[in-house]
Amino acid sequence: MTLEHFDPQCRRCPRLTAHLSAVRAAYPTYHAAPVAPFGAQGARLLIVGLAPGMHGANATGRPFTGDHAGILLYETLHRFGFGSRAVSTALDDGLTLRDCRITNAVKCLPPANKPTTHEIRACNGFLAAELAQLPPHAVVVALGRIAHTAVLRALGLRQAAFSFAHGAEHRLPAGGVLIDSYHCSRYNTQTGRLTASMFHAVFSRAHSLLSAVDAAGVAAE
């Protein structure tokens, strides 16, 4: 796979291609295709999710937009200055991201929200391209263990050396930081496994790390 961050015509995974065709037939107005990353290339905060949700990104064409998982995410991004609005509803709702980009480990909707290992690996080159484009001292937030593992694979790092845990920080070879978070899914938030304060703490830390880089740059000048 060449180092490209997204292919809107991707058909590398037969199961996902067939599933999207079936969804498109059942829901003609849905995006039902690979979902592009959201936010400018070169942003210093990269958020990595799992995959598009059936009635969220798969419907709207924007990551974490239109379903429960996006409620906490976009409220949090707005709280810490990474988003222009606290709610994301559609591609044309006027929301913009600031120094932030959102992508997924798998760009297509998987059946039952569960991609196979083969599908995660087939999509990993796109994530590798995203990571290769990050500026120095960037922060990557992995939403869930699968996203965490996909980031490590894309960077060629040993899984055993970087254990997943909510709030865990991992220094990356290029100088950036990987922060782990439980996924902001309906299940996690409604069962209390992930609270708003826990999620806010992850992005507060990401904001502090980027602010420290800014301050160091000003001091150096």
N, C-alpha and C. Protein backbone atom coordinates (compact mmCIF):
# COMPACT_ATOMS: atom_id res chain seq x y z
N MET A 1 0.84 -1.20 0.00
CA MET A 1 0.00 0.00 0.00
C MET A 1 0.87 1.25 0.00
N THR A 2 0.57 2.16 -0.86
CA THR A 2 1.32 3.41 -0.89
C THR A 2 0.92 4.27 0.31
N LEU A 3 1.75 5.24 0.63
CA LEU A 3 1.48 6.10 1.77
C LEU A 3 0.47 7.18 1.40
N GLU A 4 -0.80 6.80 1.37
CA GLU A 4 -1.89 7.73 1.17
C GLU A 4 -2.79 7.64 2.39
N HIS A 5 -3.34 8.79 2.81
CA HIS A 5 -4.09 8.77 4.05
C HIS A 5 -5.53 8.32 3.88
N PHE A 6 -6.02 8.25 2.63
CA PHE A 6 -7.42 7.88 2.42
C PHE A 6 -7.66 7.53 0.96
N ASP A 7 -8.50 6.51 0.73
CA ASP A 7 -8.92 6.14 -0.62
C ASP A 7 -10.44 6.00 -0.62
N PRO A 8 -11.17 6.97 -1.18
CA PRO A 8 -12.63 6.92 -1.14
C PRO A 8 -13.22 5.77 -1.93
N GLN A 9 -12.42 5.16 -2.81
CA GLN A 9 -12.88 4.03 -3.61
C GLN A 9 -12.33 2.70 -3.12
N CYS A 10 -11.82 2.67 -1.91
CA CYS A 10 -11.15 1.46 -1.41
C CYS A 10 -12.10 0.26 -1.42
N ARG A 11 -11.57 -0.87 -1.93
CA ARG A 11 -12.31 -2.13 -1.96
C ARG A 11 -11.40 -3.27 -1.50
N ARG A 12 -10.49 -2.98 -0.59
CA ARG A 12 -9.51 -3.99 -0.19
C ARG A 12 -10.12 -5.13 0.62
N CYS A 13 -11.23 -4.89 1.28
CA CYS A 13 -11.81 -5.89 2.18
C CYS A 13 -13.16 -6.36 1.63
N PRO A 14 -13.22 -7.57 1.07
CA PRO A 14 -14.46 -8.05 0.44
C PRO A 14 -15.66 -8.05 1.38
N ARG A 15 -15.47 -8.44 2.64
CA ARG A 15 -16.59 -8.47 3.57
C ARG A 15 -17.16 -7.08 3.80
N LEU A 16 -16.28 -6.09 3.98
CA LEU A 16 -16.74 -4.73 4.21
C LEU A 16 -17.39 -4.14 2.96
N THR A 17 -16.83 -4.43 1.80
CA THR A 17 -17.40 -3.95 0.55
C THR A 17 -18.82 -4.49 0.36
N ALA A 18 -19.01 -5.78 0.63
CA ALA A 18 -20.33 -6.39 0.50
C ALA A 18 -21.30 -5.81 1.52
N HIS A 19 -20.81 -5.58 2.73
CA HIS A 19 -21.66 -5.03 3.77
C HIS A 19 -22.12 -3.61 3.42
N LEU A 20 -21.22 -2.80 2.91
CA LEU A 20 -21.58 -1.44 2.53
C LEU A 20 -22.59 -1.44 1.38
N SER A 21 -22.46 -2.37 0.48
CA SER A 21 -23.43 -2.46 -0.63
C SER A 21 -24.82 -2.78 -0.11
N ALA A 22 -24.89 -3.68 0.86
CA ALA A 22 -26.17 -4.04 1.45
C ALA A 22 -26.77 -2.87 2.23
N VAL A 23 -25.93 -2.15 2.97
CA VAL A 23 -26.40 -0.99 3.73
C VAL A 23 -26.89 0.11 2.79
N ARG A 24 -26.16 0.31 1.70
CA ARG A 24 -26.54 1.34 0.74
C ARG A 24 -27.90 1.04 0.12
N ALA A 25 -28.17 -0.25 -0.11
CA ALA A 25 -29.46 -0.63 -0.68
C ALA A 25 -30.60 -0.41 0.32
N ALA A 26 -30.30 -0.67 1.60
CA ALA A 26 -31.32 -0.52 2.64
C ALA A 26 -31.53 0.93 3.05
N TYR A 27 -30.46 1.72 2.96
CA TYR A 27 -30.51 3.14 3.36
C TYR A 27 -29.92 4.00 2.24
N PRO A 28 -30.68 4.28 1.20
CA PRO A 28 -30.16 4.98 0.02
C PRO A 28 -29.58 6.36 0.30
N THR A 29 -30.00 7.00 1.38
CA THR A 29 -29.51 8.34 1.67
C THR A 29 -28.23 8.34 2.49
N TYR A 30 -27.79 7.17 2.94
CA TYR A 30 -26.60 7.09 3.78
C TYR A 30 -25.32 7.23 2.93
N HIS A 31 -24.28 7.71 3.56
CA HIS A 31 -22.96 7.80 2.92
C HIS A 31 -22.51 6.42 2.47
N ALA A 32 -22.53 5.44 3.38
CA ALA A 32 -22.28 4.03 3.08
C ALA A 32 -21.07 3.81 2.18
N ALA A 33 -19.94 4.38 2.55
CA ALA A 33 -18.69 4.29 1.81
C ALA A 33 -17.56 4.56 2.80
N PRO A 34 -16.31 4.39 2.38
CA PRO A 34 -15.21 4.75 3.30
C PRO A 34 -15.37 6.18 3.80
N VAL A 35 -15.12 6.38 5.07
CA VAL A 35 -15.29 7.70 5.70
C VAL A 35 -13.94 8.39 5.83
N ALA A 36 -13.83 9.56 5.26
CA ALA A 36 -12.57 10.30 5.27
C ALA A 36 -12.27 10.87 6.65
N PRO A 37 -11.00 11.08 6.97
CA PRO A 37 -10.65 11.79 8.21
C PRO A 37 -11.25 13.19 8.18
N PHE A 38 -11.44 13.76 9.36
CA PHE A 38 -12.02 15.09 9.50
C PHE A 38 -11.01 16.00 10.20
N GLY A 39 -10.74 17.15 9.59
CA GLY A 39 -9.76 18.08 10.15
C GLY A 39 -8.57 18.21 9.22
N ALA A 40 -7.84 19.29 9.38
CA ALA A 40 -6.73 19.59 8.48
C ALA A 40 -5.54 18.67 8.70
N GLN A 41 -4.89 18.28 7.61
CA GLN A 41 -3.61 17.60 7.73
C GLN A 41 -2.61 18.58 8.36
N GLY A 42 -1.75 18.05 9.20
CA GLY A 42 -0.80 18.91 9.88
C GLY A 42 -1.26 19.33 11.25
N ALA A 43 -2.50 18.98 11.63
CA ALA A 43 -2.97 19.27 12.98
C ALA A 43 -2.11 18.51 13.98
N ARG A 44 -1.91 19.10 15.15
CA ARG A 44 -1.02 18.48 16.14
C ARG A 44 -1.72 17.48 17.05
N LEU A 45 -3.05 17.47 17.03
CA LEU A 45 -3.79 16.47 17.80
C LEU A 45 -4.50 15.54 16.82
N LEU A 46 -4.16 14.26 16.88
CA LEU A 46 -4.80 13.26 16.04
C LEU A 46 -5.57 12.30 16.93
N ILE A 47 -6.87 12.21 16.70
CA ILE A 47 -7.73 11.29 17.45
C ILE A 47 -8.01 10.09 16.56
N VAL A 48 -7.77 8.89 17.10
CA VAL A 48 -7.96 7.66 16.34
C VAL A 48 -9.08 6.85 16.98
N GLY A 49 -10.18 6.67 16.24
CA GLY A 49 -11.28 5.85 16.70
C GLY A 49 -11.20 4.45 16.12
N LEU A 50 -12.27 3.70 16.27
CA LEU A 50 -12.29 2.32 15.78
C LEU A 50 -12.74 2.27 14.32
N ALA A 51 -14.01 2.60 14.07
CA ALA A 51 -14.59 2.50 12.73
C ALA A 51 -15.88 3.33 12.70
N PRO A 52 -16.39 3.66 11.51
CA PRO A 52 -17.65 4.39 11.42
C PRO A 52 -18.79 3.62 12.07
N GLY A 53 -19.71 4.35 12.72
CA GLY A 53 -20.91 3.74 13.27
C GLY A 53 -22.00 3.67 12.22
N MET A 54 -22.85 2.68 12.35
CA MET A 54 -23.91 2.44 11.36
C MET A 54 -24.75 3.69 11.09
N HIS A 55 -25.29 4.30 12.14
CA HIS A 55 -26.17 5.45 11.96
C HIS A 55 -25.46 6.76 12.31
N GLY A 56 -24.14 6.71 12.40
CA GLY A 56 -23.34 7.89 12.65
C GLY A 56 -22.53 8.25 11.43
N ALA A 57 -21.22 8.02 11.51
CA ALA A 57 -20.34 8.37 10.40
C ALA A 57 -20.71 7.67 9.10
N ASN A 58 -21.17 6.43 9.19
CA ASN A 58 -21.58 5.71 7.99
C ASN A 58 -22.76 6.39 7.31
N ALA A 59 -23.58 7.07 8.09
CA ALA A 59 -24.74 7.78 7.53
C ALA A 59 -24.36 9.17 7.06
N THR A 60 -23.55 9.88 7.84
CA THR A 60 -23.28 11.30 7.57
C THR A 60 -22.02 11.55 6.76
N GLY A 61 -21.06 10.60 6.82
CA GLY A 61 -19.81 10.78 6.10
C GLY A 61 -18.76 11.54 6.88
N ARG A 62 -19.00 11.82 8.17
CA ARG A 62 -18.02 12.49 9.02
C ARG A 62 -17.80 11.65 10.27
N PRO A 63 -16.55 11.44 10.69
CA PRO A 63 -16.30 10.63 11.88
C PRO A 63 -17.06 11.15 13.11
N PHE A 64 -17.66 10.21 13.85
CA PHE A 64 -18.32 10.50 15.11
C PHE A 64 -19.44 11.53 14.98
N THR A 65 -20.11 11.55 13.87
CA THR A 65 -21.17 12.53 13.64
C THR A 65 -22.50 11.84 13.41
N GLY A 66 -23.47 12.17 14.27
CA GLY A 66 -24.81 11.64 14.11
C GLY A 66 -25.16 10.49 15.02
N ASP A 67 -24.22 10.05 15.87
CA ASP A 67 -24.55 8.96 16.79
C ASP A 67 -24.10 9.30 18.20
N HIS A 68 -24.38 8.40 19.13
CA HIS A 68 -24.12 8.67 20.54
C HIS A 68 -22.63 8.88 20.82
N ALA A 69 -21.77 8.16 20.15
CA ALA A 69 -20.33 8.23 20.43
C ALA A 69 -19.78 9.63 20.22
N GLY A 70 -20.40 10.39 19.32
CA GLY A 70 -19.89 11.72 19.04
C GLY A 70 -20.32 12.78 20.03
N ILE A 71 -21.32 12.48 20.84
CA ILE A 71 -21.85 13.50 21.76
C ILE A 71 -20.77 13.98 22.72
N LEU A 72 -20.17 13.03 23.43
CA LEU A 72 -19.13 13.39 24.40
C LEU A 72 -17.87 13.89 23.71
N LEU A 73 -17.52 13.28 22.58
CA LEU A 73 -16.29 13.67 21.89
C LEU A 73 -16.33 15.14 21.47
N TYR A 74 -17.38 15.55 20.77
CA TYR A 74 -17.40 16.92 20.25
C TYR A 74 -17.64 17.95 21.35
N GLU A 75 -18.38 17.58 22.38
CA GLU A 75 -18.51 18.48 23.53
C GLU A 75 -17.14 18.72 24.17
N THR A 76 -16.37 17.64 24.27
CA THR A 76 -15.05 17.75 24.89
C THR A 76 -14.09 18.55 24.03
N LEU A 77 -14.11 18.32 22.73
CA LEU A 77 -13.24 19.08 21.83
C LEU A 77 -13.55 20.56 21.90
N HIS A 78 -14.82 20.90 21.95
CA HIS A 78 -15.21 22.30 22.07
C HIS A 78 -14.75 22.87 23.41
N ARG A 79 -14.89 22.11 24.47
CA ARG A 79 -14.51 22.56 25.82
C ARG A 79 -13.04 22.97 25.88
N PHE A 80 -12.18 22.23 25.17
CA PHE A 80 -10.75 22.49 25.23
C PHE A 80 -10.21 23.25 24.02
N GLY A 81 -11.10 23.84 23.24
CA GLY A 81 -10.69 24.72 22.17
C GLY A 81 -10.34 24.05 20.86
N PHE A 82 -10.61 22.75 20.73
CA PHE A 82 -10.27 22.03 19.50
C PHE A 82 -11.41 22.03 18.49
N GLY A 83 -12.60 22.45 18.89
CA GLY A 83 -13.74 22.46 17.97
C GLY A 83 -14.51 23.77 18.07
N SER A 84 -15.09 24.19 16.96
CA SER A 84 -15.81 25.46 16.93
C SER A 84 -17.21 25.36 17.52
N ARG A 85 -17.75 24.13 17.58
CA ARG A 85 -19.08 23.91 18.13
C ARG A 85 -19.06 22.67 19.00
N ALA A 86 -20.02 22.58 19.91
CA ALA A 86 -20.06 21.45 20.85
C ALA A 86 -20.86 20.27 20.31
N VAL A 87 -21.53 20.46 19.19
CA VAL A 87 -22.38 19.41 18.63
C VAL A 87 -22.06 19.23 17.15
N SER A 88 -21.94 17.97 16.72
CA SER A 88 -21.69 17.66 15.32
C SER A 88 -22.88 16.88 14.78
N THR A 89 -23.55 17.43 13.78
CA THR A 89 -24.77 16.80 13.28
C THR A 89 -24.70 16.37 11.81
N ALA A 90 -23.95 17.12 11.00
CA ALA A 90 -23.92 16.84 9.56
C ALA A 90 -22.70 17.50 8.93
N LEU A 91 -22.39 17.09 7.72
CA LEU A 91 -21.23 17.65 7.02
C LEU A 91 -21.33 19.15 6.82
N ASP A 92 -22.56 19.65 6.68
CA ASP A 92 -22.75 21.07 6.38
C ASP A 92 -23.20 21.87 7.60
N ASP A 93 -22.89 21.39 8.82
CA ASP A 93 -23.36 22.11 10.01
C ASP A 93 -22.45 23.26 10.43
N GLY A 94 -21.36 23.49 9.70
CA GLY A 94 -20.47 24.60 10.00
C GLY A 94 -19.40 24.32 11.03
N LEU A 95 -19.38 23.13 11.58
CA LEU A 95 -18.36 22.78 12.58
C LEU A 95 -16.98 22.69 11.94
N THR A 96 -15.99 23.28 12.59
CA THR A 96 -14.61 23.14 12.16
C THR A 96 -13.76 22.70 13.35
N LEU A 97 -12.67 22.04 13.07
CA LEU A 97 -11.73 21.63 14.10
C LEU A 97 -10.52 22.55 14.09
N ARG A 98 -9.93 22.75 15.26
CA ARG A 98 -8.78 23.63 15.41
C ARG A 98 -7.59 22.83 15.90
N ASP A 99 -6.57 22.71 15.06
CA ASP A 99 -5.35 21.98 15.41
C ASP A 99 -5.67 20.55 15.82
N CYS A 100 -6.68 19.97 15.18
CA CYS A 100 -7.17 18.65 15.55
C CYS A 100 -7.66 17.93 14.30
N ARG A 101 -7.47 16.63 14.27
CA ARG A 101 -7.91 15.80 13.16
C ARG A 101 -8.43 14.49 13.73
N ILE A 102 -9.50 13.97 13.16
CA ILE A 102 -10.11 12.72 13.62
C ILE A 102 -10.08 11.70 12.49
N THR A 103 -9.63 10.50 12.81
CA THR A 103 -9.61 9.43 11.84
C THR A 103 -10.04 8.14 12.53
N ASN A 104 -10.10 7.06 11.79
CA ASN A 104 -10.45 5.75 12.35
C ASN A 104 -9.44 4.70 11.94
N ALA A 105 -9.28 3.70 12.79
CA ALA A 105 -8.40 2.58 12.46
C ALA A 105 -8.90 1.83 11.24
N VAL A 106 -10.21 1.76 11.09
CA VAL A 106 -10.86 1.13 9.93
C VAL A 106 -11.81 2.17 9.34
N LYS A 107 -11.70 2.43 8.06
CA LYS A 107 -12.43 3.53 7.44
C LYS A 107 -13.84 3.16 6.99
N CYS A 108 -14.17 1.86 6.99
CA CYS A 108 -15.49 1.41 6.53
C CYS A 108 -16.27 0.77 7.67
N LEU A 109 -17.59 0.88 7.59
CA LEU A 109 -18.48 0.27 8.58
C LEU A 109 -18.33 -1.24 8.58
N PRO A 110 -17.98 -1.86 9.73
CA PRO A 110 -17.92 -3.31 9.80
C PRO A 110 -19.24 -3.88 10.34
N PRO A 111 -19.60 -5.07 9.93
CA PRO A 111 -20.80 -5.70 10.50
C PRO A 111 -20.69 -5.80 12.02
N ALA A 112 -21.78 -5.44 12.71
CA ALA A 112 -21.84 -5.51 14.18
C ALA A 112 -20.75 -4.67 14.85
N ASN A 113 -20.23 -3.69 14.12
CA ASN A 113 -19.17 -2.81 14.66
C ASN A 113 -17.91 -3.57 15.06
N LYS A 114 -17.66 -4.71 14.42
CA LYS A 114 -16.51 -5.53 14.78
C LYS A 114 -15.68 -5.87 13.55
N PRO A 115 -14.65 -5.08 13.26
CA PRO A 115 -13.76 -5.44 12.15
C PRO A 115 -12.91 -6.64 12.49
N THR A 116 -12.54 -7.40 11.50
CA THR A 116 -11.65 -8.53 11.72
C THR A 116 -10.20 -8.05 11.80
N THR A 117 -9.34 -8.91 12.29
CA THR A 117 -7.92 -8.57 12.35
C THR A 117 -7.39 -8.27 10.95
N HIS A 118 -7.81 -9.05 9.97
CA HIS A 118 -7.38 -8.82 8.58
C HIS A 118 -7.79 -7.43 8.11
N GLU A 119 -9.02 -7.03 8.43
CA GLU A 119 -9.51 -5.72 7.98
C GLU A 119 -8.77 -4.57 8.67
N ILE A 120 -8.46 -4.74 9.93
CA ILE A 120 -7.70 -3.72 10.64
C ILE A 120 -6.32 -3.57 10.02
N ARG A 121 -5.71 -4.70 9.70
CA ARG A 121 -4.37 -4.66 9.10
C ARG A 121 -4.41 -4.11 7.68
N ALA A 122 -5.46 -4.43 6.93
CA ALA A 122 -5.57 -3.95 5.55
C ALA A 122 -5.70 -2.43 5.50
N CYS A 123 -6.27 -1.85 6.55
CA CYS A 123 -6.48 -0.40 6.59
C CYS A 123 -5.32 0.32 7.28
N ASN A 124 -4.37 -0.41 7.83
CA ASN A 124 -3.35 0.18 8.67
C ASN A 124 -2.40 1.11 7.91
N GLY A 125 -2.23 0.88 6.61
CA GLY A 125 -1.37 1.75 5.83
C GLY A 125 -1.88 3.17 5.77
N PHE A 126 -3.19 3.34 5.76
CA PHE A 126 -3.77 4.68 5.77
C PHE A 126 -3.44 5.39 7.08
N LEU A 127 -3.54 4.66 8.18
CA LEU A 127 -3.20 5.25 9.47
C LEU A 127 -1.71 5.57 9.55
N ALA A 128 -0.89 4.71 8.98
CA ALA A 128 0.55 4.97 8.95
C ALA A 128 0.85 6.27 8.22
N ALA A 129 0.12 6.52 7.14
CA ALA A 129 0.31 7.77 6.39
C ALA A 129 -0.11 8.97 7.24
N GLU A 130 -1.21 8.83 7.97
CA GLU A 130 -1.66 9.90 8.86
C GLU A 130 -0.58 10.22 9.89
N LEU A 131 -0.05 9.20 10.50
CA LEU A 131 0.95 9.38 11.55
C LEU A 131 2.24 9.97 10.98
N ALA A 132 2.60 9.58 9.77
CA ALA A 132 3.82 10.08 9.14
C ALA A 132 3.73 11.58 8.85
N GLN A 133 2.51 12.09 8.71
CA GLN A 133 2.31 13.50 8.39
C GLN A 133 2.22 14.39 9.64
N LEU A 134 2.25 13.78 10.81
CA LEU A 134 2.12 14.58 12.03
C LEU A 134 3.33 15.48 12.23
N PRO A 135 3.12 16.68 12.72
CA PRO A 135 4.25 17.58 13.02
C PRO A 135 4.97 17.10 14.28
N PRO A 136 6.15 17.64 14.56
CA PRO A 136 6.89 17.26 15.76
C PRO A 136 6.07 17.54 17.03
N HIS A 137 6.25 16.70 18.03
CA HIS A 137 5.61 16.87 19.34
C HIS A 137 4.09 16.80 19.27
N ALA A 138 3.57 16.06 18.31
CA ALA A 138 2.13 15.89 18.19
C ALA A 138 1.61 14.98 19.30
N VAL A 139 0.31 15.03 19.52
CA VAL A 139 -0.35 14.17 20.49
C VAL A 139 -1.36 13.30 19.75
N VAL A 140 -1.31 12.00 19.99
CA VAL A 140 -2.27 11.06 19.41
C VAL A 140 -3.13 10.52 20.55
N VAL A 141 -4.43 10.61 20.41
CA VAL A 141 -5.34 10.02 21.39
C VAL A 141 -6.00 8.81 20.75
N ALA A 142 -5.79 7.64 21.34
CA ALA A 142 -6.37 6.40 20.84
C ALA A 142 -7.63 6.09 21.64
N LEU A 143 -8.75 6.02 20.97
CA LEU A 143 -10.02 5.73 21.62
C LEU A 143 -10.27 4.23 21.59
N GLY A 144 -9.84 3.55 22.64
CA GLY A 144 -10.04 2.11 22.73
C GLY A 144 -8.80 1.31 22.40
N ARG A 145 -8.83 0.05 22.83
CA ARG A 145 -7.67 -0.82 22.67
C ARG A 145 -7.34 -1.09 21.21
N ILE A 146 -8.37 -1.27 20.37
CA ILE A 146 -8.10 -1.57 18.96
C ILE A 146 -7.40 -0.40 18.29
N ALA A 147 -7.85 0.82 18.58
CA ALA A 147 -7.19 2.00 18.02
C ALA A 147 -5.75 2.10 18.54
N HIS A 148 -5.56 1.84 19.82
CA HIS A 148 -4.22 1.84 20.43
C HIS A 148 -3.31 0.86 19.68
N THR A 149 -3.79 -0.35 19.49
CA THR A 149 -2.98 -1.38 18.82
C THR A 149 -2.70 -1.00 17.37
N ALA A 150 -3.69 -0.39 16.70
CA ALA A 150 -3.51 0.02 15.31
C ALA A 150 -2.45 1.10 15.19
N VAL A 151 -2.41 2.03 16.14
CA VAL A 151 -1.39 3.08 16.12
C VAL A 151 0.00 2.46 16.27
N LEU A 152 0.14 1.55 17.21
CA LEU A 152 1.44 0.90 17.41
C LEU A 152 1.88 0.14 16.17
N ARG A 153 0.95 -0.59 15.56
CA ARG A 153 1.28 -1.34 14.35
C ARG A 153 1.72 -0.39 13.23
N ALA A 154 1.01 0.71 13.09
CA ALA A 154 1.32 1.67 12.03
C ALA A 154 2.70 2.30 12.22
N LEU A 155 3.13 2.39 13.48
CA LEU A 155 4.44 2.97 13.79
C LEU A 155 5.54 1.90 13.87
N GLY A 156 5.17 0.64 13.70
CA GLY A 156 6.15 -0.43 13.76
C GLY A 156 6.68 -0.68 15.16
N LEU A 157 5.84 -0.43 16.18
CA LEU A 157 6.26 -0.58 17.57
C LEU A 157 5.75 -1.90 18.15
N ARG A 158 6.49 -2.44 19.10
CA ARG A 158 6.11 -3.69 19.76
C ARG A 158 4.92 -3.45 20.69
N GLN A 159 3.90 -4.28 20.53
CA GLN A 159 2.70 -4.13 21.35
C GLN A 159 3.00 -4.30 22.84
N ALA A 160 3.86 -5.25 23.17
CA ALA A 160 4.11 -5.57 24.57
C ALA A 160 4.77 -4.41 25.32
N ALA A 161 5.41 -3.52 24.61
CA ALA A 161 6.11 -2.42 25.26
C ALA A 161 5.21 -1.23 25.57
N PHE A 162 3.95 -1.28 25.10
CA PHE A 162 3.04 -0.15 25.27
C PHE A 162 1.67 -0.69 25.69
N SER A 163 1.47 -0.91 26.96
CA SER A 163 0.22 -1.48 27.44
C SER A 163 -0.91 -0.45 27.43
N PHE A 164 -2.09 -0.90 27.00
CA PHE A 164 -3.25 -0.02 26.97
C PHE A 164 -3.85 0.14 28.36
N ALA A 165 -4.15 1.37 28.73
CA ALA A 165 -4.89 1.67 29.96
C ALA A 165 -5.46 3.07 29.81
N HIS A 166 -6.64 3.27 30.34
CA HIS A 166 -7.22 4.61 30.23
C HIS A 166 -6.33 5.65 30.90
N GLY A 167 -5.99 6.69 30.15
CA GLY A 167 -5.15 7.76 30.67
C GLY A 167 -3.66 7.49 30.58
N ALA A 168 -3.28 6.31 30.10
CA ALA A 168 -1.85 5.99 29.99
C ALA A 168 -1.21 6.84 28.90
N GLU A 169 0.04 7.24 29.14
CA GLU A 169 0.80 8.02 28.16
C GLU A 169 2.01 7.23 27.71
N HIS A 170 2.29 7.31 26.42
CA HIS A 170 3.42 6.59 25.84
C HIS A 170 4.21 7.56 24.97
N ARG A 171 5.49 7.69 25.23
CA ARG A 171 6.35 8.53 24.40
C ARG A 171 6.65 7.80 23.11
N LEU A 172 6.48 8.49 22.00
CA LEU A 172 6.70 7.90 20.69
C LEU A 172 8.08 8.26 20.16
N PRO A 173 8.65 7.41 19.30
CA PRO A 173 10.02 7.63 18.83
C PRO A 173 10.27 8.98 18.18
N ALA A 174 9.26 9.52 17.50
CA ALA A 174 9.46 10.80 16.80
C ALA A 174 9.30 12.01 17.73
N GLY A 175 9.03 11.75 19.01
CA GLY A 175 8.93 12.84 19.96
C GLY A 175 7.51 13.17 20.39
N GLY A 176 6.52 12.55 19.78
CA GLY A 176 5.14 12.79 20.16
C GLY A 176 4.72 11.93 21.34
N VAL A 177 3.45 12.04 21.69
CA VAL A 177 2.90 11.29 22.81
C VAL A 177 1.60 10.62 22.39
N LEU A 178 1.46 9.36 22.76
CA LEU A 178 0.21 8.62 22.58
C LEU A 178 -0.49 8.56 23.93
N ILE A 179 -1.74 9.01 23.97
CA ILE A 179 -2.56 8.93 25.18
C ILE A 179 -3.72 7.98 24.90
N ASP A 180 -3.91 7.03 25.81
CA ASP A 180 -5.01 6.08 25.66
C ASP A 180 -6.26 6.57 26.38
N SER A 181 -7.40 6.23 25.80
CA SER A 181 -8.69 6.50 26.44
C SER A 181 -9.64 5.37 26.13
N TYR A 182 -10.53 5.07 27.08
CA TYR A 182 -11.64 4.21 26.73
C TYR A 182 -12.44 4.89 25.63
N HIS A 183 -13.03 4.08 24.76
CA HIS A 183 -13.84 4.62 23.66
C HIS A 183 -15.09 5.28 24.22
N CYS A 184 -15.49 6.38 23.59
CA CYS A 184 -16.68 7.13 24.04
C CYS A 184 -17.96 6.53 23.46
N SER A 185 -18.07 5.23 23.51
CA SER A 185 -19.23 4.53 22.98
C SER A 185 -20.42 4.65 23.93
N ARG A 186 -21.59 4.36 23.43
CA ARG A 186 -22.79 4.37 24.26
C ARG A 186 -22.64 3.41 25.44
N TYR A 187 -22.12 2.22 25.15
CA TYR A 187 -21.97 1.22 26.21
C TYR A 187 -21.05 1.74 27.32
N ASN A 188 -19.91 2.28 26.95
CA ASN A 188 -18.95 2.73 27.96
C ASN A 188 -19.48 3.91 28.78
N THR A 189 -20.16 4.84 28.13
CA THR A 189 -20.64 6.01 28.86
C THR A 189 -21.88 5.70 29.69
N GLN A 190 -22.74 4.85 29.20
CA GLN A 190 -23.96 4.55 29.95
C GLN A 190 -23.73 3.58 31.11
N THR A 191 -22.69 2.76 31.01
CA THR A 191 -22.37 1.85 32.12
C THR A 191 -21.46 2.51 33.14
N GLY A 192 -20.94 3.70 32.83
CA GLY A 192 -20.06 4.39 33.75
C GLY A 192 -18.61 3.96 33.66
N ARG A 193 -18.30 3.08 32.72
CA ARG A 193 -16.89 2.71 32.54
C ARG A 193 -16.08 3.94 32.14
N LEU A 194 -16.71 4.82 31.34
CA LEU A 194 -16.09 6.08 30.97
C LEU A 194 -17.02 7.21 31.37
N THR A 195 -16.58 8.06 32.26
CA THR A 195 -17.37 9.23 32.65
C THR A 195 -16.88 10.46 31.89
N ALA A 196 -17.71 11.49 31.90
CA ALA A 196 -17.31 12.72 31.23
C ALA A 196 -16.03 13.28 31.83
N SER A 197 -15.90 13.23 33.15
CA SER A 197 -14.70 13.76 33.80
C SER A 197 -13.46 12.97 33.41
N MET A 198 -13.59 11.66 33.27
CA MET A 198 -12.45 10.83 32.83
C MET A 198 -12.02 11.22 31.42
N PHE A 199 -13.01 11.43 30.56
CA PHE A 199 -12.71 11.78 29.18
C PHE A 199 -12.13 13.18 29.09
N HIS A 200 -12.70 14.09 29.84
CA HIS A 200 -12.17 15.46 29.87
C HIS A 200 -10.72 15.48 30.32
N ALA A 201 -10.38 14.62 31.28
CA ALA A 201 -9.00 14.59 31.80
C ALA A 201 -8.00 14.22 30.71
N VAL A 202 -8.40 13.31 29.81
CA VAL A 202 -7.52 12.92 28.70
C VAL A 202 -7.24 14.11 27.81
N PHE A 203 -8.27 14.86 27.47
CA PHE A 203 -8.08 15.98 26.54
C PHE A 203 -7.50 17.21 27.24
N SER A 204 -7.72 17.31 28.53
CA SER A 204 -7.03 18.35 29.29
C SER A 204 -5.53 18.11 29.25
N ARG A 205 -5.15 16.85 29.38
CA ARG A 205 -3.72 16.51 29.32
C ARG A 205 -3.16 16.77 27.91
N ALA A 206 -3.92 16.40 26.88
CA ALA A 206 -3.47 16.65 25.51
C ALA A 206 -3.29 18.15 25.28
N HIS A 207 -4.23 18.93 25.77
CA HIS A 207 -4.14 20.39 25.63
C HIS A 207 -2.92 20.92 26.37
N SER A 208 -2.65 20.41 27.57
CA SER A 208 -1.50 20.86 28.35
C SER A 208 -0.18 20.53 27.65
N LEU A 209 -0.11 19.35 27.06
CA LEU A 209 1.12 18.96 26.35
C LEU A 209 1.38 19.88 25.17
N LEU A 210 0.35 20.18 24.40
CA LEU A 210 0.52 21.07 23.25
C LEU A 210 0.81 22.50 23.70
N SER A 211 0.20 22.93 24.77
CA SER A 211 0.46 24.28 25.30
C SER A 211 1.90 24.40 25.78
N ALA A 212 2.42 23.32 26.37
CA ALA A 212 3.80 23.33 26.84
C ALA A 212 4.77 23.47 25.68
N VAL A 213 4.45 22.82 24.56
CA VAL A 213 5.29 22.95 23.36
C VAL A 213 5.24 24.39 22.86
N ASP A 214 4.05 24.98 22.86
CA ASP A 214 3.92 26.37 22.42
C ASP A 214 4.74 27.29 23.31
N ALA A 215 4.64 27.08 24.63
CA ALA A 215 5.37 27.93 25.57
C ALA A 215 6.88 27.78 25.39
N ALA A 216 7.34 26.56 25.15
CA ALA A 216 8.75 26.33 24.94
C ALA A 216 9.23 27.03 23.69
N GLY A 217 8.38 27.02 22.65
CA GLY A 217 8.73 27.68 21.41
C GLY A 217 8.85 29.17 21.59
N VAL A 218 7.94 29.76 22.36
CA VAL A 218 7.99 31.19 22.63
C VAL A 218 9.24 31.54 23.43
N ALA A 219 9.56 30.69 24.43
CA ALA A 219 10.73 30.93 25.26
C ALA A 219 12.02 30.86 24.44
N ALA A 220 12.01 29.91 23.47
CA ALA A 220 13.21 29.74 22.65
C ALA A 220 13.44 30.96 21.77
N GLU A 221 12.36 31.61 21.36
CA GLU A 221 12.47 32.78 20.49
C GLU A 221 12.98 34.00 21.28
